[in-house]
Amino acid sequence: MAKLVNFIPSNYTTAKVISKTEMNEELDDMDVSLPASAERFLDRAIKALKGYSLSRRKEQYVIAKLIDALDMTPTQLQQAVQKLKRNKIVNK
């Protein structure tokens, strides 16, 4: 059985690989700048939450509270998650 990759022109696959590697970003490389006080607060909050070693259910509760506070709709949340996955921004 032939692989589908063999049917794709070689310049197309090369262009696809280049665009994927160029799109890889890290969390620090995002074009977003937070106010210094918000950045400090966010760092302190993350350190505090990691210090408690919360269960999965409690972590989900924290995420749900953040999403609710940001007034994100399910569609906006899904778009944000897809962008993070596509650009491989999150380390895990």
PDB file of N, CA and C in Angstrom:
ATOM      1  N   MET A   1       0.851  -1.180   0.000  1.00  0.00           N
ATOM      2  CA  MET A   1       0.000   0.000   0.000  1.00  0.00           C
ATOM      3  C   MET A   1       0.893   1.238   0.000  1.00  0.00           C
ATOM      4  N   ALA A   2       0.616   2.182  -0.868  1.00  0.00           N
ATOM      5  CA  ALA A   2       1.427   3.395  -0.991  1.00  0.00           C
ATOM      6  C   ALA A   2       1.076   4.385   0.108  1.00  0.00           C
ATOM      7  N   LYS A   3       2.088   5.097   0.553  1.00  0.00           N
ATOM      8  CA  LYS A   3       1.862   6.129   1.552  1.00  0.00           C
ATOM      9  C   LYS A   3       1.340   7.385   0.872  1.00  0.00           C
ATOM     10  N   LEU A   4       0.463   8.091   1.524  1.00  0.00           N
ATOM     11  CA  LEU A   4      -0.084   9.320   0.959  1.00  0.00           C
ATOM     12  C   LEU A   4       0.985  10.396   0.807  1.00  0.00           C
ATOM     13  N   VAL A   5       2.027  10.332   1.624  1.00  0.00           N
ATOM     14  CA  VAL A   5       3.089  11.324   1.544  1.00  0.00           C
ATOM     15  C   VAL A   5       3.780  11.261   0.193  1.00  0.00           C
ATOM     16  N   ASN A   6       3.845  10.066  -0.392  1.00  0.00           N
ATOM     17  CA  ASN A   6       4.510   9.912  -1.685  1.00  0.00           C
ATOM     18  C   ASN A   6       3.750  10.616  -2.807  1.00  0.00           C
ATOM     19  N   PHE A   7       2.472  10.865  -2.643  1.00  0.00           N
ATOM     20  CA  PHE A   7       1.674  11.516  -3.670  1.00  0.00           C
ATOM     21  C   PHE A   7       1.730  13.040  -3.594  1.00  0.00           C
ATOM     22  N   ILE A   8       2.294  13.577  -2.520  1.00  0.00           N
ATOM     23  CA  ILE A   8       2.390  15.024  -2.352  1.00  0.00           C
ATOM     24  C   ILE A   8       3.673  15.492  -3.023  1.00  0.00           C
ATOM     25  N   PRO A   9       3.619  16.539  -3.841  1.00  0.00           N
ATOM     26  CA  PRO A   9       4.848  17.049  -4.470  1.00  0.00           C
ATOM     27  C   PRO A   9       5.888  17.413  -3.416  1.00  0.00           C
ATOM     28  N   SER A  10       7.147  17.218  -3.742  1.00  0.00           N
ATOM     29  CA  SER A  10       8.217  17.400  -2.758  1.00  0.00           C
ATOM     30  C   SER A  10       8.320  18.836  -2.260  1.00  0.00           C
ATOM     31  N   ASN A  11       8.075  19.817  -3.119  1.00  0.00           N
ATOM     32  CA  ASN A  11       8.185  21.201  -2.659  1.00  0.00           C
ATOM     33  C   ASN A  11       7.081  21.545  -1.667  1.00  0.00           C
ATOM     34  N   TYR A  12       5.928  20.905  -1.772  1.00  0.00           N
ATOM     35  CA  TYR A  12       4.835  21.143  -0.829  1.00  0.00           C
ATOM     36  C   TYR A  12       5.200  20.635   0.558  1.00  0.00           C
ATOM     37  N   THR A  13       5.756  19.431   0.644  1.00  0.00           N
ATOM     38  CA  THR A  13       6.101  18.882   1.956  1.00  0.00           C
ATOM     39  C   THR A  13       7.222  19.678   2.598  1.00  0.00           C
ATOM     40  N   THR A  14       8.185  20.131   1.806  1.00  0.00           N
ATOM     41  CA  THR A  14       9.275  20.926   2.342  1.00  0.00           C
ATOM     42  C   THR A  14       8.747  22.251   2.883  1.00  0.00           C
ATOM     43  N   ALA A  15       7.852  22.882   2.134  1.00  0.00           N
ATOM     44  CA  ALA A  15       7.271  24.146   2.589  1.00  0.00           C
ATOM     45  C   ALA A  15       6.470  23.939   3.865  1.00  0.00           C
ATOM     46  N   LYS A  16       5.783  22.822   3.956  1.00  0.00           N
ATOM     47  CA  LYS A  16       4.983  22.531   5.144  1.00  0.00           C
ATOM     48  C   LYS A  16       5.880  22.369   6.372  1.00  0.00           C
ATOM     49  N   VAL A  17       6.997  21.679   6.221  1.00  0.00           N
ATOM     50  CA  VAL A  17       7.906  21.467   7.348  1.00  0.00           C
ATOM     51  C   VAL A  17       8.528  22.783   7.773  1.00  0.00           C
ATOM     52  N   ILE A  18       8.911  23.608   6.836  1.00  0.00           N
ATOM     53  CA  ILE A  18       9.515  24.892   7.172  1.00  0.00           C
ATOM     54  C   ILE A  18       8.527  25.765   7.927  1.00  0.00           C
ATOM     55  N   SER A  19       7.296  25.807   7.455  1.00  0.00           N
ATOM     56  CA  SER A  19       6.327  26.660   8.129  1.00  0.00           C
ATOM     57  C   SER A  19       6.050  26.164   9.549  1.00  0.00           C
ATOM     58  N   LYS A  20       6.038  24.861   9.768  1.00  0.00           N
ATOM     59  CA  LYS A  20       5.820  24.321  11.117  1.00  0.00           C
ATOM     60  C   LYS A  20       6.964  24.710  12.040  1.00  0.00           C
ATOM     61  N   THR A  21       8.209  24.610  11.545  1.00  0.00           N
ATOM     62  CA  THR A  21       9.334  24.935  12.417  1.00  0.00           C
ATOM     63  C   THR A  21       9.404  26.431  12.679  1.00  0.00           C
ATOM     64  N   GLU A  22       9.017  27.241  11.706  1.00  0.00           N
ATOM     65  CA  GLU A  22       9.022  28.684  11.913  1.00  0.00           C
ATOM     66  C   GLU A  22       7.938  29.105  12.888  1.00  0.00           C
ATOM     67  N   MET A  23       6.834  28.363  12.942  1.00  0.00           N
ATOM     68  CA  MET A  23       5.716  28.741  13.794  1.00  0.00           C
ATOM     69  C   MET A  23       5.957  28.382  15.255  1.00  0.00           C
ATOM     70  N   ASN A  24       6.925  27.507  15.527  1.00  0.00           N
ATOM     71  CA  ASN A  24       7.179  27.122  16.920  1.00  0.00           C
ATOM     72  C   ASN A  24       7.581  28.339  17.731  1.00  0.00           C
ATOM     73  N   GLU A  25       6.867  28.561  18.787  1.00  0.00           N
ATOM     74  CA  GLU A  25       7.150  29.664  19.689  1.00  0.00           C
ATOM     75  C   GLU A  25       7.242  29.110  21.099  1.00  0.00           C
ATOM     76  N   GLU A  26       7.790  29.905  21.936  1.00  0.00           N
ATOM     77  CA  GLU A  26       7.773  29.565  23.346  1.00  0.00           C
ATOM     78  C   GLU A  26       6.914  30.592  24.054  1.00  0.00           C
ATOM     79  N   LEU A  27       6.591  30.302  25.258  1.00  0.00           N
ATOM     80  CA  LEU A  27       5.728  31.185  26.026  1.00  0.00           C
ATOM     81  C   LEU A  27       6.341  32.576  26.164  1.00  0.00           C
ATOM     82  N   ASP A  28       7.666  32.637  26.298  1.00  0.00           N
ATOM     83  CA  ASP A  28       8.345  33.924  26.454  1.00  0.00           C
ATOM     84  C   ASP A  28       8.419  34.710  25.150  1.00  0.00           C
ATOM     85  N   ASP A  29       8.263  34.024  23.998  1.00  0.00           N
ATOM     86  CA  ASP A  29       8.395  34.675  22.699  1.00  0.00           C
ATOM     87  C   ASP A  29       7.093  35.297  22.197  1.00  0.00           C
ATOM     88  N   MET A  30       6.017  35.164  22.942  1.00  0.00           N
ATOM     89  CA  MET A  30       4.746  35.721  22.492  1.00  0.00           C
ATOM     90  C   MET A  30       4.824  37.240  22.474  1.00  0.00           C
ATOM     91  N   ASP A  31       4.100  37.846  21.556  1.00  0.00           N
ATOM     92  CA  ASP A  31       4.119  39.297  21.393  1.00  0.00           C
ATOM     93  C   ASP A  31       3.174  39.984  22.374  1.00  0.00           C
ATOM     94  N   VAL A  32       3.231  39.596  23.631  1.00  0.00           N
ATOM     95  CA  VAL A  32       2.339  40.150  24.639  1.00  0.00           C
ATOM     96  C   VAL A  32       3.179  40.677  25.789  1.00  0.00           C
ATOM     97  N   SER A  33       2.832  41.867  26.226  1.00  0.00           N
ATOM     98  CA  SER A  33       3.513  42.395  27.406  1.00  0.00           C
ATOM     99  C   SER A  33       2.453  42.765  28.432  1.00  0.00           C
ATOM    100  N   LEU A  34       2.624  42.220  29.607  1.00  0.00           N
ATOM    101  CA  LEU A  34       1.715  42.513  30.710  1.00  0.00           C
ATOM    102  C   LEU A  34       2.303  43.642  31.544  1.00  0.00           C
ATOM    103  N   PRO A  35       1.464  44.406  32.215  1.00  0.00           N
ATOM    104  CA  PRO A  35       1.997  45.379  33.168  1.00  0.00           C
ATOM    105  C   PRO A  35       2.818  44.647  34.232  1.00  0.00           C
ATOM    106  N   ALA A  36       3.836  45.311  34.738  1.00  0.00           N
ATOM    107  CA  ALA A  36       4.751  44.677  35.693  1.00  0.00           C
ATOM    108  C   ALA A  36       4.025  44.147  36.924  1.00  0.00           C
ATOM    109  N   SER A  37       3.054  44.904  37.417  1.00  0.00           N
ATOM    110  CA  SER A  37       2.337  44.448  38.610  1.00  0.00           C
ATOM    111  C   SER A  37       1.515  43.194  38.308  1.00  0.00           C
ATOM    112  N   ALA A  38       0.912  43.115  37.134  1.00  0.00           N
ATOM    113  CA  ALA A  38       0.139  41.929  36.758  1.00  0.00           C
ATOM    114  C   ALA A  38       1.061  40.731  36.582  1.00  0.00           C
ATOM    115  N   GLU A  39       2.231  40.950  35.996  1.00  0.00           N
ATOM    116  CA  GLU A  39       3.201  39.864  35.805  1.00  0.00           C
ATOM    117  C   GLU A  39       3.680  39.328  37.153  1.00  0.00           C
ATOM    118  N   ARG A  40       3.989  40.220  38.093  1.00  0.00           N
ATOM    119  CA  ARG A  40       4.419  39.790  39.434  1.00  0.00           C
ATOM    120  C   ARG A  40       3.311  39.019  40.142  1.00  0.00           C
ATOM    121  N   PHE A  41       2.076  39.529  40.054  1.00  0.00           N
ATOM    122  CA  PHE A  41       0.951  38.860  40.696  1.00  0.00           C
ATOM    123  C   PHE A  41       0.739  37.467  40.098  1.00  0.00           C
ATOM    124  N   LEU A  42       0.827  37.374  38.778  1.00  0.00           N
ATOM    125  CA  LEU A  42       0.635  36.087  38.103  1.00  0.00           C
ATOM    126  C   LEU A  42       1.717  35.098  38.516  1.00  0.00           C
ATOM    127  N   ASP A  43       2.959  35.558  38.575  1.00  0.00           N
ATOM    128  CA  ASP A  43       4.055  34.674  38.999  1.00  0.00           C
ATOM    129  C   ASP A  43       3.866  34.199  40.429  1.00  0.00           C
ATOM    130  N   ARG A  44       3.469  35.120  41.323  1.00  0.00           N
ATOM    131  CA  ARG A  44       3.244  34.736  42.723  1.00  0.00           C
ATOM    132  C   ARG A  44       2.086  33.752  42.853  1.00  0.00           C
ATOM    133  N   ALA A  45       1.027  33.977  42.094  1.00  0.00           N
ATOM    134  CA  ALA A  45      -0.136  33.085  42.151  1.00  0.00           C
ATOM    135  C   ALA A  45       0.232  31.686  41.660  1.00  0.00           C
ATOM    136  N   ILE A  46       1.011  31.609  40.585  1.00  0.00           N
ATOM    137  CA  ILE A  46       1.417  30.304  40.048  1.00  0.00           C
ATOM    138  C   ILE A  46       2.308  29.572  41.041  1.00  0.00           C
ATOM    139  N   LYS A  47       3.253  30.280  41.653  1.00  0.00           N
ATOM    140  CA  LYS A  47       4.125  29.651  42.647  1.00  0.00           C
ATOM    141  C   LYS A  47       3.318  29.150  43.838  1.00  0.00           C
ATOM    142  N   ALA A  48       2.341  29.925  44.270  1.00  0.00           N
ATOM    143  CA  ALA A  48       1.510  29.513  45.403  1.00  0.00           C
ATOM    144  C   ALA A  48       0.691  28.272  45.055  1.00  0.00           C
ATOM    145  N   LEU A  49       0.123  28.250  43.860  1.00  0.00           N
ATOM    146  CA  LEU A  49      -0.672  27.087  43.455  1.00  0.00           C
ATOM    147  C   LEU A  49       0.185  25.844  43.320  1.00  0.00           C
ATOM    148  N   LYS A  50       1.398  25.983  42.804  1.00  0.00           N
ATOM    149  CA  LYS A  50       2.292  24.832  42.685  1.00  0.00           C
ATOM    150  C   LYS A  50       2.718  24.343  44.061  1.00  0.00           C
ATOM    151  N   GLY A  51       2.830  25.238  45.009  1.00  0.00           N
ATOM    152  CA  GLY A  51       3.230  24.871  46.363  1.00  0.00           C
ATOM    153  C   GLY A  51       2.207  24.009  47.074  1.00  0.00           C
ATOM    154  N   TYR A  52       0.955  24.144  46.713  1.00  0.00           N
ATOM    155  CA  TYR A  52      -0.100  23.363  47.351  1.00  0.00           C
ATOM    156  C   TYR A  52      -0.237  21.965  46.776  1.00  0.00           C
ATOM    157  N   SER A  53       0.350  21.701  45.636  1.00  0.00           N
ATOM    158  CA  SER A  53       0.230  20.413  44.925  1.00  0.00           C
ATOM    159  C   SER A  53      -1.236  19.942  44.924  1.00  0.00           C
ATOM    160  N   LEU A  54      -2.059  20.712  44.257  1.00  0.00           N
ATOM    161  CA  LEU A  54      -3.491  20.459  44.199  1.00  0.00           C
ATOM    162  C   LEU A  54      -3.807  19.218  43.380  1.00  0.00           C
ATOM    163  N   SER A  55      -4.935  18.612  43.675  1.00  0.00           N
ATOM    164  CA  SER A  55      -5.392  17.471  42.886  1.00  0.00           C
ATOM    165  C   SER A  55      -5.863  17.958  41.524  1.00  0.00           C
ATOM    166  N   ARG A  56      -6.046  17.043  40.616  1.00  0.00           N
ATOM    167  CA  ARG A  56      -6.467  17.388  39.253  1.00  0.00           C
ATOM    168  C   ARG A  56      -7.797  18.141  39.265  1.00  0.00           C
ATOM    169  N   ARG A  57      -8.705  17.706  40.100  1.00  0.00           N
ATOM    170  CA  ARG A  57     -10.026  18.342  40.184  1.00  0.00           C
ATOM    171  C   ARG A  57      -9.915  19.784  40.680  1.00  0.00           C
ATOM    172  N   LYS A  58      -9.053  20.015  41.646  1.00  0.00           N
ATOM    173  CA  LYS A  58      -8.878  21.374  42.162  1.00  0.00           C
ATOM    174  C   LYS A  58      -8.164  22.266  41.147  1.00  0.00           C
ATOM    175  N   GLU A  59      -7.225  21.691  40.381  1.00  0.00           N
ATOM    176  CA  GLU A  59      -6.576  22.450  39.312  1.00  0.00           C
ATOM    177  C   GLU A  59      -7.602  22.869  38.258  1.00  0.00           C
ATOM    178  N   GLN A  60      -8.517  21.955  37.939  1.00  0.00           N
ATOM    179  CA  GLN A  60      -9.563  22.267  36.969  1.00  0.00           C
ATOM    180  C   GLN A  60     -10.470  23.373  37.505  1.00  0.00           C
ATOM    181  N   TYR A  61     -10.708  23.373  38.804  1.00  0.00           N
ATOM    182  CA  TYR A  61     -11.521  24.421  39.410  1.00  0.00           C
ATOM    183  C   TYR A  61     -10.832  25.781  39.270  1.00  0.00           C
ATOM    184  N   VAL A  62      -9.518  25.809  39.491  1.00  0.00           N
ATOM    185  CA  VAL A  62      -8.757  27.055  39.349  1.00  0.00           C
ATOM    186  C   VAL A  62      -8.840  27.547  37.908  1.00  0.00           C
ATOM    187  N   ILE A  63      -8.669  26.643  36.949  1.00  0.00           N
ATOM    188  CA  ILE A  63      -8.755  27.018  35.532  1.00  0.00           C
ATOM    189  C   ILE A  63     -10.154  27.528  35.205  1.00  0.00           C
ATOM    190  N   ALA A  64     -11.173  26.868  35.732  1.00  0.00           N
ATOM    191  CA  ALA A  64     -12.547  27.299  35.478  1.00  0.00           C
ATOM    192  C   ALA A  64     -12.799  28.699  36.036  1.00  0.00           C
ATOM    193  N   LYS A  65     -12.260  28.978  37.218  1.00  0.00           N
ATOM    194  CA  LYS A  65     -12.417  30.320  37.802  1.00  0.00           C
ATOM    195  C   LYS A  65     -11.713  31.375  36.940  1.00  0.00           C
ATOM    196  N   LEU A  66     -10.529  31.057  36.420  1.00  0.00           N
ATOM    197  CA  LEU A  66      -9.810  31.987  35.545  1.00  0.00           C
ATOM    198  C   LEU A  66     -10.583  32.252  34.255  1.00  0.00           C
ATOM    199  N   ILE A  67     -11.105  31.207  33.658  1.00  0.00           N
ATOM    200  CA  ILE A  67     -11.866  31.348  32.418  1.00  0.00           C
ATOM    201  C   ILE A  67     -13.119  32.175  32.664  1.00  0.00           C
ATOM    202  N   ASP A  68     -13.774  31.922  33.784  1.00  0.00           N
ATOM    203  CA  ASP A  68     -14.969  32.686  34.135  1.00  0.00           C
ATOM    204  C   ASP A  68     -14.633  34.152  34.379  1.00  0.00           C
ATOM    205  N   ALA A  69     -13.512  34.410  35.048  1.00  0.00           N
ATOM    206  CA  ALA A  69     -13.120  35.789  35.331  1.00  0.00           C
ATOM    207  C   ALA A  69     -12.739  36.538  34.054  1.00  0.00           C
ATOM    208  N   LEU A  70     -12.219  35.820  33.063  1.00  0.00           N
ATOM    209  CA  LEU A  70     -11.849  36.439  31.783  1.00  0.00           C
ATOM    210  C   LEU A  70     -13.037  36.575  30.836  1.00  0.00           C
ATOM    211  N   ASP A  71     -14.202  36.099  31.240  1.00  0.00           N
ATOM    212  CA  ASP A  71     -15.424  36.140  30.429  1.00  0.00           C
ATOM    213  C   ASP A  71     -15.224  35.502  29.054  1.00  0.00           C
ATOM    214  N   MET A  72     -14.571  34.351  29.032  1.00  0.00           N
ATOM    215  CA  MET A  72     -14.344  33.643  27.772  1.00  0.00           C
ATOM    216  C   MET A  72     -15.521  32.735  27.485  1.00  0.00           C
ATOM    217  N   THR A  73     -15.952  32.741  26.234  1.00  0.00           N
ATOM    218  CA  THR A  73     -16.990  31.809  25.808  1.00  0.00           C
ATOM    219  C   THR A  73     -16.315  30.484  25.475  1.00  0.00           C
ATOM    220  N   PRO A  74     -17.080  29.406  25.402  1.00  0.00           N
ATOM    221  CA  PRO A  74     -16.470  28.122  25.021  1.00  0.00           C
ATOM    222  C   PRO A  74     -15.766  28.180  23.661  1.00  0.00           C
ATOM    223  N   THR A  75     -16.320  28.953  22.740  1.00  0.00           N
ATOM    224  CA  THR A  75     -15.690  29.095  21.421  1.00  0.00           C
ATOM    225  C   THR A  75     -14.350  29.805  21.528  1.00  0.00           C
ATOM    226  N   GLN A  76     -14.289  30.869  22.304  1.00  0.00           N
ATOM    227  CA  GLN A  76     -13.034  31.599  22.487  1.00  0.00           C
ATOM    228  C   GLN A  76     -11.991  30.728  23.178  1.00  0.00           C
ATOM    229  N   LEU A  77     -12.440  29.946  24.145  1.00  0.00           N
ATOM    230  CA  LEU A  77     -11.535  29.048  24.851  1.00  0.00           C
ATOM    231  C   LEU A  77     -10.975  28.001  23.892  1.00  0.00           C
ATOM    232  N   GLN A  78     -11.834  27.434  23.079  1.00  0.00           N
ATOM    233  CA  GLN A  78     -11.403  26.420  22.117  1.00  0.00           C
ATOM    234  C   GLN A  78     -10.414  27.007  21.115  1.00  0.00           C
ATOM    235  N   GLN A  79     -10.657  28.226  20.651  1.00  0.00           N
ATOM    236  CA  GLN A  79      -9.736  28.876  19.715  1.00  0.00           C
ATOM    237  C   GLN A  79      -8.378  29.117  20.372  1.00  0.00           C
ATOM    238  N   ALA A  80      -8.387  29.542  21.626  1.00  0.00           N
ATOM    239  CA  ALA A  80      -7.133  29.801  22.335  1.00  0.00           C
ATOM    240  C   ALA A  80      -6.339  28.512  22.518  1.00  0.00           C
ATOM    241  N   VAL A  81      -7.014  27.430  22.883  1.00  0.00           N
ATOM    242  CA  VAL A  81      -6.338  26.145  23.077  1.00  0.00           C
ATOM    243  C   VAL A  81      -5.770  25.643  21.754  1.00  0.00           C
ATOM    244  N   GLN A  82      -6.527  25.776  20.665  1.00  0.00           N
ATOM    245  CA  GLN A  82      -6.043  25.339  19.364  1.00  0.00           C
ATOM    246  C   GLN A  82      -4.812  26.131  18.946  1.00  0.00           C
ATOM    247  N   LYS A  83      -4.802  27.437  19.220  1.00  0.00           N
ATOM    248  CA  LYS A  83      -3.647  28.259  18.874  1.00  0.00           C
ATOM    249  C   LYS A  83      -2.422  27.844  19.678  1.00  0.00           C
ATOM    250  N   LEU A  84      -2.619  27.570  20.964  1.00  0.00           N
ATOM    251  CA  LEU A  84      -1.503  27.126  21.797  1.00  0.00           C
ATOM    252  C   LEU A  84      -0.947  25.790  21.313  1.00  0.00           C
ATOM    253  N   LYS A  85      -1.826  24.870  20.944  1.00  0.00           N
ATOM    254  CA  LYS A  85      -1.382  23.570  20.449  1.00  0.00           C
ATOM    255  C   LYS A  85      -0.684  23.705  19.100  1.00  0.00           C
ATOM    256  N   ARG A  86      -1.264  24.492  18.205  1.00  0.00           N
ATOM    257  CA  ARG A  86      -0.727  24.633  16.849  1.00  0.00           C
ATOM    258  C   ARG A  86       0.674  25.254  16.882  1.00  0.00           C
ATOM    259  N   ASN A  87       0.866  26.256  17.709  1.00  0.00           N
ATOM    260  CA  ASN A  87       2.152  26.947  17.774  1.00  0.00           C
ATOM    261  C   ASN A  87       3.096  26.326  18.796  1.00  0.00           C
ATOM    262  N   LYS A  88       2.642  25.280  19.466  1.00  0.00           N
ATOM    263  CA  LYS A  88       3.451  24.573  20.474  1.00  0.00           C
ATOM    264  C   LYS A  88       4.043  25.557  21.481  1.00  0.00           C
ATOM    265  N   ILE A  89       3.197  26.411  22.016  1.00  0.00           N
ATOM    266  CA  ILE A  89       3.642  27.424  22.950  1.00  0.00           C
ATOM    267  C   ILE A  89       3.818  26.839  24.348  1.00  0.00           C
ATOM    268  N   VAL A  90       2.902  25.995  24.748  1.00  0.00           N
ATOM    269  CA  VAL A  90       2.957  25.404  26.085  1.00  0.00           C
ATOM    270  C   VAL A  90       3.973  24.270  26.083  1.00  0.00           C
ATOM    271  N   ASN A  91       4.768  24.162  27.125  1.00  0.00           N
ATOM    272  CA  ASN A  91       5.845  23.190  27.182  1.00  0.00           C
ATOM    273  C   ASN A  91       5.370  21.746  27.247  1.00  0.00           C
ATOM    274  N   LYS A  92       4.242  21.485  27.891  1.00  0.00           N
ATOM    275  CA  LYS A  92       3.768  20.101  28.048  1.00  0.00           C
ATOM    276  C   LYS A  92       2.712  19.774  27.047  1.00  0.00           C
TER     277      LYS A  92
END
